[in-house]
Amino acid sequence: MKTVSVVWEGATVDATVPPDIASWEVELSPGVVRRTEQAAAAVRLAAAVAPGGPETAARLLLRSEGLASSAIEGLRAPVSEVVLAEVVARSDSTVAPGGSTHPTVDPIAAWVADNLAVVTDALAHEGPLDVPTILSWHRRLMAHAPHLEDRHVGAWRDTLGWVGGATPRLAAHVAPPAELVPSAMDDLVAFAARDDLDPITMAAVLHAQFETIHPFADGNGRIGRVLIGWVLTRRLGVEVPPPVSLQMAHDVGGYQAGLTLYRQDNHGAWVSWFADAVRLAADGVGAVLGDVAALMQRWRADIADLRSDAAAHVVLDVLATHPVVSTSMAATLTGRSRRAIANALAELERRGVVSAVGTVPAGQGRPERWWVAGDLLALVGR
């Protein structure tokens, strides 16, 4: 990759300008190719053997991916706070100040919840990747960004960008000048439309090129990791990919070193590291979902003394795919009355299966009460 000199606050620094990749010929050694094949096979196997059915696996893995991707950026909040932020966002209403029956949302938790929403939206996107779609993801991600100026939300940056260090003079990577971002992103979108590369290599290069361009003023890492899931889902035909961000969070040093190698034109080393990360993430899916299945079995044993037709039994089935529910939401999903579901949730709370996270305004009606299966979310978010 070449560099160009740019002036930042009177000082000259070198900015990296990545080459176009729309028609780039990727050359990988047989060993690296073998790793990409192993990673792809592991993803497909994880999707095939996930206990509890594809919907259960999809919802839990999406949550794990979003939490881990935020954690890489240092954005951490208790799962209960993130859940509350999701609930408030879902209600599409204003939260009352503290002291009322309505919960107050932690701003970091709200930002993490936005990341979860973007992950879900991106994997549901069926059309080709294009600039408006990427910008819409960024706009959603930054809905609760505490310091980003409005002109930088859902728009390419118009200032110099860098990674690491307080200034570009101390940075680990200085991104291309802002005026080069639009053309670089057009090239990236063209690369994403190719069908001659295997899914793992495509995801690895797309992600690394995006991070090198660093097109946004903030949120680049999270949007870049969304692109990984988008590629793997579309190209491997799985309901949801394994939480690759979780593996990256376990080896942030290796992740950052791999991106540096990519920028030094050592593409094989980066693809190799990335393929191993995908494989390890896929290998871990069975263990996590196995723990989830064991937890569900324990819950069923805990309510075995209840009548077989008790609403609590069907609520457990709902919690497997919706670990955060309101009374009316659970009633709709189960076909039972609100009163029966309210009683069932109260019973499950007494037995430690769920806990109330508060009430949230629900339009013109009375505030809606929400419940969370904390132990289940803890397994996914660990």
Protein backbone atom coordinates (compact mmCIF):
# COMPACT_ATOMS: atom_id res chain seq x y z
CA MET A 1 0.00 0.00 0.00
CA LYS A 2 1.24 3.48 -0.76
CA THR A 3 1.27 6.48 1.52
CA VAL A 4 0.63 10.16 0.93
CA SER A 5 1.69 13.10 3.04
CA VAL A 6 -1.07 15.11 4.67
CA VAL A 7 -0.96 18.10 7.00
CA TRP A 8 -2.70 17.80 10.35
CA GLU A 9 -2.63 20.82 12.66
CA GLY A 10 0.55 22.06 11.05
CA ALA A 11 2.36 18.72 11.19
CA THR A 12 2.99 16.40 8.24
CA VAL A 13 1.96 12.77 8.64
CA ASP A 14 1.83 9.81 6.27
CA ALA A 15 -1.64 8.46 5.43
CA THR A 16 -2.17 4.98 3.97
CA VAL A 17 -3.96 4.73 0.63
CA PRO A 18 -5.09 1.15 -0.08
CA PRO A 19 -5.18 -0.07 -3.68
CA ASP A 20 -8.47 -0.76 -5.40
CA ILE A 21 -9.66 -4.34 -4.93
CA ALA A 22 -12.73 -4.57 -7.19
CA SER A 23 -10.77 -6.70 -9.68
CA TRP A 24 -7.86 -7.64 -7.45
CA GLU A 25 -6.38 -11.11 -7.87
CA VAL A 26 -5.99 -12.64 -4.42
CA GLU A 27 -3.09 -15.09 -4.24
CA LEU A 28 -3.04 -17.42 -1.24
CA SER A 29 -0.79 -20.36 -0.38
CA PRO A 30 -2.26 -23.89 -0.26
CA GLY A 31 -1.98 -23.81 3.52
CA VAL A 32 -4.06 -20.64 3.80
CA VAL A 33 -6.64 -21.99 1.35
CA ARG A 34 -6.93 -25.12 3.47
CA ARG A 35 -7.62 -22.95 6.53
CA THR A 36 -10.39 -21.06 4.71
CA GLU A 37 -11.96 -24.37 3.69
CA GLN A 38 -11.82 -25.65 7.27
CA ALA A 39 -13.42 -22.45 8.54
CA ALA A 40 -16.27 -22.63 6.03
CA ALA A 41 -16.91 -26.27 6.92
CA ALA A 42 -16.95 -25.43 10.65
CA VAL A 43 -19.55 -22.69 10.09
CA ARG A 44 -21.83 -25.03 8.18
CA LEU A 45 -21.43 -27.76 10.79
CA ALA A 46 -22.23 -25.38 13.64
CA ALA A 47 -25.41 -24.33 11.86
CA ALA A 48 -26.41 -27.96 11.31
CA VAL A 49 -25.93 -29.23 14.86
CA ALA A 50 -27.11 -26.23 16.89
CA PRO A 51 -29.46 -27.58 19.57
CA GLY A 52 -32.88 -26.03 20.02
CA GLY A 53 -33.55 -25.32 16.38
CA PRO A 54 -32.29 -22.62 14.02
CA GLU A 55 -34.40 -19.80 15.47
CA THR A 56 -33.05 -20.31 18.98
CA ALA A 57 -29.48 -20.44 17.71
CA ALA A 58 -29.92 -17.40 15.48
CA ARG A 59 -31.31 -15.12 18.16
CA LEU A 60 -28.75 -16.08 20.78
CA LEU A 61 -25.76 -15.89 18.43
CA LEU A 62 -26.81 -12.51 17.08
CA ARG A 63 -26.87 -11.17 20.62
CA SER A 64 -23.45 -12.65 21.39
CA GLU A 65 -22.00 -11.08 18.22
CA GLY A 66 -23.34 -7.62 18.99
CA LEU A 67 -22.18 -7.63 22.61
CA ALA A 68 -18.67 -8.80 21.66
CA SER A 69 -18.30 -6.31 18.82
CA SER A 70 -19.14 -3.46 21.20
CA ALA A 71 -16.77 -4.85 23.83
CA ILE A 72 -13.84 -4.71 21.39
CA GLU A 73 -14.39 -0.95 21.26
CA GLY A 74 -14.44 -0.73 25.07
CA LEU A 75 -18.22 -0.35 25.17
CA ARG A 76 -19.43 -2.59 27.98
CA ALA A 77 -22.61 -2.46 30.00
CA PRO A 78 -24.41 -4.98 32.21
CA VAL A 79 -26.63 -7.27 30.17
CA SER A 80 -29.62 -6.14 32.20
CA GLU A 81 -28.96 -2.51 31.20
CA VAL A 82 -28.60 -3.44 27.53
CA VAL A 83 -31.86 -5.36 27.73
CA LEU A 84 -33.59 -2.34 29.23
CA ALA A 85 -32.25 -0.15 26.41
CA GLU A 86 -33.58 -2.62 23.84
CA VAL A 87 -36.96 -2.61 25.52
CA VAL A 88 -37.18 1.17 25.51
CA ALA A 89 -36.10 1.33 21.86
CA ARG A 90 -38.70 -1.29 20.98
CA SER A 91 -41.42 0.69 22.71
CA ASP A 92 -40.55 3.74 20.55
CA SER A 93 -41.41 6.09 23.38
CA THR A 94 -39.74 8.54 25.70
CA VAL A 95 -38.40 7.24 28.97
CA ALA A 96 -39.55 9.17 32.00
CA PRO A 97 -36.94 10.57 34.36
CA GLY A 98 -35.71 8.56 37.32
CA GLY A 99 -38.09 8.32 40.24
CA SER A 100 -41.09 7.24 38.18
CA THR A 101 -42.11 3.71 37.32
CA HIS A 102 -40.37 4.12 33.96
CA PRO A 103 -36.72 3.04 33.75
CA THR A 104 -33.87 5.37 32.92
CA VAL A 105 -31.56 4.03 30.22
CA ASP A 106 -27.78 4.06 30.61
CA PRO A 107 -26.32 5.82 27.52
CA ILE A 108 -23.58 3.22 26.96
CA ALA A 109 -26.13 0.41 27.24
CA ALA A 110 -28.28 2.21 24.66
CA TRP A 111 -25.29 2.40 22.32
CA VAL A 112 -24.59 -1.31 22.74
CA ALA A 113 -28.26 -2.02 22.06
CA ASP A 114 -27.93 -0.04 18.83
CA ASN A 115 -25.09 -2.35 17.82
CA LEU A 116 -27.33 -5.37 18.39
CA ALA A 117 -30.01 -3.78 16.22
CA VAL A 118 -27.56 -3.12 13.38
CA VAL A 119 -26.29 -6.72 13.45
CA THR A 120 -29.87 -7.96 13.13
CA ASP A 121 -30.72 -5.48 10.37
CA ALA A 122 -27.61 -6.29 8.36
CA LEU A 123 -28.12 -10.04 8.38
CA ALA A 124 -31.71 -9.52 7.26
CA HIS A 125 -30.56 -7.41 4.30
CA GLU A 126 -31.15 -9.49 1.18
CA GLY A 127 -30.12 -7.09 -1.55
CA PRO A 128 -26.61 -6.33 -2.77
CA LEU A 129 -24.29 -4.28 -0.63
CA ASP A 130 -24.39 -0.62 -1.60
CA VAL A 131 -23.42 2.75 -0.19
CA PRO A 132 -26.92 3.77 1.01
CA THR A 133 -27.20 0.51 2.96
CA ILE A 134 -23.86 0.99 4.71
CA LEU A 135 -24.76 4.57 5.55
CA SER A 136 -28.12 3.45 6.97
CA TRP A 137 -26.38 0.91 9.21
CA HIS A 138 -24.11 3.65 10.51
CA ARG A 139 -27.07 5.95 11.12
CA ARG A 140 -28.74 3.24 13.21
CA LEU A 141 -25.52 2.44 15.07
CA MET A 142 -25.05 6.08 16.03
CA ALA A 143 -28.59 6.70 17.24
CA HIS A 144 -27.26 7.15 20.80
CA ALA A 145 -23.66 8.17 20.05
CA PRO A 146 -22.78 10.58 22.85
CA HIS A 147 -20.18 12.77 21.11
CA LEU A 148 -20.55 12.41 17.34
CA GLU A 149 -21.60 15.54 15.45
CA ASP A 150 -24.76 15.27 13.37
CA ARG A 151 -22.87 15.79 10.12
CA HIS A 152 -20.90 12.60 10.79
CA VAL A 153 -23.94 10.38 11.42
CA GLY A 154 -24.73 8.24 8.39
CA ALA A 155 -22.11 10.06 6.33
CA TRP A 156 -18.49 9.59 5.33
CA ARG A 157 -15.99 11.44 7.45
CA ASP A 158 -14.80 14.84 6.26
CA THR A 159 -11.72 14.93 8.48
CA LEU A 160 -8.60 12.81 8.81
CA GLY A 161 -9.12 9.42 10.46
CA TRP A 162 -6.69 7.24 12.36
CA VAL A 163 -6.52 4.20 14.62
CA GLY A 164 -4.74 4.16 17.98
CA GLY A 165 -3.03 7.11 19.63
CA ALA A 166 -4.33 10.50 20.64
CA THR A 167 -3.14 12.11 17.39
CA PRO A 168 -2.29 10.85 13.88
CA ARG A 169 1.39 11.42 14.68
CA LEU A 170 1.11 8.70 17.35
CA ALA A 171 -1.38 6.47 15.52
CA ALA A 172 -0.91 2.85 14.55
CA HIS A 173 -2.69 3.57 11.26
CA VAL A 174 -3.60 6.80 9.49
CA ALA A 175 -6.46 6.32 7.05
CA PRO A 176 -6.61 7.84 3.56
CA PRO A 177 -7.54 11.52 3.28
CA ALA A 178 -11.27 12.22 3.49
CA GLU A 179 -11.55 13.24 -0.17
CA LEU A 180 -10.51 9.71 -1.21
CA VAL A 181 -13.14 7.93 0.92
CA PRO A 182 -16.09 8.03 -1.53
CA SER A 183 -14.17 6.42 -4.41
CA ALA A 184 -12.55 3.89 -2.07
CA MET A 185 -15.97 2.87 -0.75
CA ASP A 186 -17.40 2.58 -4.27
CA ASP A 187 -14.55 0.18 -5.02
CA LEU A 188 -15.24 -1.76 -1.82
CA VAL A 189 -18.90 -2.18 -2.79
CA ALA A 190 -17.85 -3.43 -6.21
CA PHE A 191 -15.55 -5.95 -4.54
CA ALA A 192 -18.42 -7.19 -2.36
CA ALA A 193 -20.39 -8.09 -5.49
CA ARG A 194 -17.76 -10.58 -6.69
CA ASP A 195 -18.60 -14.27 -6.67
CA ASP A 196 -15.19 -15.72 -7.59
CA LEU A 197 -13.76 -15.74 -4.05
CA ASP A 198 -14.49 -18.22 -1.29
CA PRO A 199 -16.67 -16.78 1.54
CA ILE A 200 -13.93 -16.71 4.18
CA THR A 201 -11.43 -14.87 2.00
CA MET A 202 -14.15 -12.49 0.84
CA ALA A 203 -15.14 -11.65 4.42
CA ALA A 204 -11.52 -11.28 5.53
CA VAL A 205 -10.51 -8.91 2.74
CA LEU A 206 -13.75 -6.92 2.81
CA HIS A 207 -13.37 -6.34 6.54
CA ALA A 208 -9.68 -5.43 6.43
CA GLN A 209 -10.13 -3.08 3.47
CA PHE A 210 -13.04 -1.36 5.21
CA GLU A 211 -10.99 -0.89 8.39
CA THR A 212 -8.09 0.46 6.35
CA ILE A 213 -10.33 3.01 4.59
CA HIS A 214 -11.88 3.90 7.98
CA PRO A 215 -14.70 5.77 6.25
CA PHE A 216 -16.58 7.04 9.31
CA ALA A 217 -15.69 9.46 12.07
CA ASP A 218 -16.61 6.73 14.57
CA GLY A 219 -18.08 3.22 14.55
CA ASN A 220 -15.76 1.78 11.90
CA GLY A 221 -14.88 -1.37 13.84
CA ARG A 222 -18.50 -2.26 14.55
CA ILE A 223 -19.72 -1.64 11.00
CA GLY A 224 -16.69 -3.50 9.65
CA ARG A 225 -17.55 -6.55 11.74
CA VAL A 226 -21.17 -6.33 10.59
CA LEU A 227 -19.82 -6.81 7.06
CA ILE A 228 -18.23 -10.09 8.14
CA GLY A 229 -21.57 -11.51 9.25
CA TRP A 230 -23.28 -10.22 6.13
CA VAL A 231 -20.82 -12.05 3.86
CA LEU A 232 -20.80 -15.32 5.79
CA THR A 233 -24.57 -15.48 6.00
CA ARG A 234 -25.13 -14.82 2.31
CA ARG A 235 -22.28 -16.91 0.95
CA LEU A 236 -22.48 -19.91 3.28
CA GLY A 237 -26.26 -20.15 3.36
CA VAL A 238 -26.57 -20.22 7.16
CA GLU A 239 -29.28 -18.66 9.27
CA VAL A 240 -26.71 -16.69 11.23
CA PRO A 241 -22.90 -16.88 11.32
CA PRO A 242 -20.94 -17.74 14.46
CA PRO A 243 -20.05 -14.76 16.67
CA VAL A 244 -16.65 -14.01 15.11
CA SER A 245 -16.42 -10.81 17.15
CA LEU A 246 -16.40 -12.95 20.28
CA GLN A 247 -13.23 -14.67 19.10
CA MET A 248 -11.69 -11.33 18.11
CA ALA A 249 -12.49 -9.98 21.57
CA HIS A 250 -10.57 -12.91 23.06
CA ASP A 251 -7.50 -12.04 20.96
CA VAL A 252 -7.60 -8.30 20.32
CA GLY A 253 -3.83 -8.22 19.94
CA GLY A 254 -3.88 -10.88 17.23
CA TYR A 255 -6.78 -9.13 15.52
CA GLN A 256 -4.99 -5.79 15.39
CA ALA A 257 -1.72 -7.40 14.33
CA GLY A 258 -3.52 -9.19 11.51
CA LEU A 259 -4.96 -5.93 10.19
CA THR A 260 -1.48 -4.41 10.31
CA LEU A 261 -0.12 -7.32 8.27
CA TYR A 262 -2.86 -6.76 5.70
CA ARG A 263 -1.81 -3.11 5.39
CA GLN A 264 1.75 -4.30 4.89
CA ASP A 265 0.52 -6.37 1.93
CA ASN A 266 0.89 -9.65 3.84
CA HIS A 267 -2.61 -10.68 2.87
CA GLY A 268 -2.03 -14.40 3.39
CA ALA A 269 -1.14 -13.93 7.07
CA TRP A 270 -4.29 -11.89 7.67
CA VAL A 271 -6.60 -14.32 5.86
CA SER A 272 -5.00 -17.20 7.76
CA TRP A 273 -5.57 -15.53 11.14
CA PHE A 274 -9.10 -14.58 10.17
CA ALA A 275 -9.96 -18.10 8.97
CA ASP A 276 -8.74 -19.55 12.27
CA ALA A 277 -10.85 -17.01 14.18
CA VAL A 278 -13.96 -17.98 12.22
CA ARG A 279 -13.28 -21.69 12.78
CA LEU A 280 -12.74 -21.24 16.52
CA ALA A 281 -15.91 -19.15 16.79
CA ALA A 282 -17.85 -21.86 14.97
CA ASP A 283 -16.34 -24.60 17.14
CA GLY A 284 -17.51 -22.73 20.24
CA VAL A 285 -21.13 -22.48 19.10
CA GLY A 286 -21.97 -26.05 20.06
CA ALA A 287 -20.58 -25.61 23.57
CA VAL A 288 -22.49 -22.38 24.25
CA LEU A 289 -25.76 -23.66 22.86
CA GLY A 290 -25.25 -26.93 24.71
CA ASP A 291 -25.03 -24.92 27.93
CA VAL A 292 -28.21 -23.14 26.92
CA ALA A 293 -29.98 -26.45 26.37
CA ALA A 294 -28.82 -27.63 29.81
CA LEU A 295 -30.16 -24.45 31.39
CA MET A 296 -33.53 -24.95 29.70
CA GLN A 297 -33.64 -28.52 30.99
CA ARG A 298 -32.93 -27.31 34.51
CA TRP A 299 -35.71 -24.75 34.26
CA ARG A 300 -38.13 -27.43 33.16
CA ALA A 301 -37.17 -29.54 36.15
CA ASP A 302 -37.73 -26.52 38.41
CA ILE A 303 -41.36 -26.21 37.30
CA ALA A 304 -42.10 -29.91 36.98
CA ASP A 305 -44.47 -29.67 39.94
CA LEU A 306 -46.80 -27.33 38.06
CA ARG A 307 -49.75 -28.69 36.11
CA SER A 308 -48.80 -29.87 32.62
CA ASP A 309 -51.12 -27.31 31.03
CA ALA A 310 -49.81 -24.42 33.15
CA ALA A 311 -48.87 -21.34 31.13
CA ALA A 312 -45.41 -21.34 32.70
CA HIS A 313 -44.43 -24.33 30.54
CA VAL A 314 -45.21 -22.57 27.26
CA VAL A 315 -43.54 -19.37 28.48
CA LEU A 316 -40.31 -21.34 28.87
CA ASP A 317 -40.51 -22.23 25.18
CA VAL A 318 -40.85 -18.54 24.35
CA LEU A 319 -37.86 -17.59 26.52
CA ALA A 320 -35.60 -19.85 24.45
CA THR A 321 -36.02 -17.54 21.47
CA HIS A 322 -37.11 -14.34 23.24
CA PRO A 323 -35.18 -14.02 26.51
CA VAL A 324 -36.65 -10.54 26.88
CA VAL A 325 -40.44 -10.39 26.79
CA SER A 326 -43.35 -8.25 27.90
CA THR A 327 -46.57 -9.68 29.22
CA SER A 328 -48.47 -8.87 26.03
CA MET A 329 -45.64 -10.08 23.81
CA ALA A 330 -45.56 -13.45 25.60
CA ALA A 331 -49.34 -13.66 25.40
CA THR A 332 -49.24 -13.12 21.64
CA LEU A 333 -46.47 -15.66 21.14
CA THR A 334 -48.18 -18.33 23.24
CA GLY A 335 -51.81 -17.69 22.42
CA ARG A 336 -52.64 -17.50 26.13
CA SER A 337 -54.49 -14.68 27.90
CA ARG A 338 -52.59 -11.72 29.36
CA ARG A 339 -53.79 -12.68 32.82
CA ALA A 340 -52.53 -16.26 32.48
CA ILE A 341 -49.17 -15.04 31.17
CA ALA A 342 -48.83 -12.41 33.90
CA ASN A 343 -49.40 -15.11 36.51
CA ALA A 344 -46.95 -17.44 34.76
CA LEU A 345 -44.22 -14.78 34.64
CA ALA A 346 -44.79 -13.97 38.31
CA GLU A 347 -44.40 -17.67 39.13
CA LEU A 348 -41.24 -17.92 37.03
CA GLU A 349 -39.87 -14.87 38.81
CA ARG A 350 -40.47 -16.51 42.19
CA ARG A 351 -38.49 -19.52 40.95
CA GLY A 352 -35.59 -17.44 39.66
CA VAL A 353 -36.15 -18.03 35.95
CA VAL A 354 -36.96 -14.42 35.01
CA SER A 355 -36.75 -11.04 36.65
CA ALA A 356 -38.67 -7.85 35.96
CA VAL A 357 -36.66 -5.04 34.33
CA GLY A 358 -39.32 -2.39 34.84
CA THR A 359 -42.23 -0.90 32.99
CA VAL A 360 -41.99 1.06 29.77
CA PRO A 361 -44.62 3.38 28.22
CA ALA A 362 -46.66 1.53 25.60
CA GLY A 363 -48.54 4.19 23.69
CA GLN A 364 -51.92 5.27 25.02
CA GLY A 365 -52.44 2.22 27.20
CA ARG A 366 -50.98 1.43 30.56
CA PRO A 367 -47.19 0.99 30.80
CA GLU A 368 -45.94 -2.41 29.67
CA ARG A 369 -44.01 -4.61 32.07
CA TRP A 370 -40.95 -6.43 30.72
CA TRP A 371 -39.12 -9.51 31.94
CA VAL A 372 -35.67 -10.92 31.27
CA ALA A 373 -34.21 -14.43 31.55
CA GLY A 374 -30.93 -13.22 33.04
CA ASP A 375 -29.18 -16.59 33.33
CA LEU A 376 -29.80 -17.28 29.66
CA LEU A 377 -28.43 -13.92 28.55
CA ALA A 378 -25.43 -14.36 30.84
CA LEU A 379 -24.49 -17.55 28.98
CA VAL A 380 -24.61 -15.76 25.66
CA GLY A 381 -22.85 -12.63 26.81
CA ARG A 382 -20.00 -14.25 28.70
